[in-house]
Amino acid sequence: MNGILIIYVWAYENKDNDYEEKLLDKSLVSNKSFIPHEEQNLNNIKTYFHLFKKDELEFLLKTFKNIEIVSSYSDGSNWCTVVKKINID
């Protein structure tokens, strides 16, 4: 069975990087950090996130032998890659 998958990830190069202001520890690697939860009773919980740099998602996806990259683009805030499953004989 073949299919198409669309993957969106946060872009490190985001021009409207409003979540950068919420970072708790800016001393971590430049594209990884923790952000606090804003909901009540979750103040002690931090969420880890990773910001993908240009071509990083494609590089990771190329390690899979059963998918083919159809297209990649940026919507300004995110990187998007469309892949399709292929049969390997």
Foldseek 3Di string as FASTA:
>chain_A
DKDKDKDKAFALQQPPPPCVVQFDDCPPPNFKGWGFDPDPPRRVDIDIGGHDYPCRVVVVVVVDPQKDWPDWDDPRGIIMTMIMGHDDD
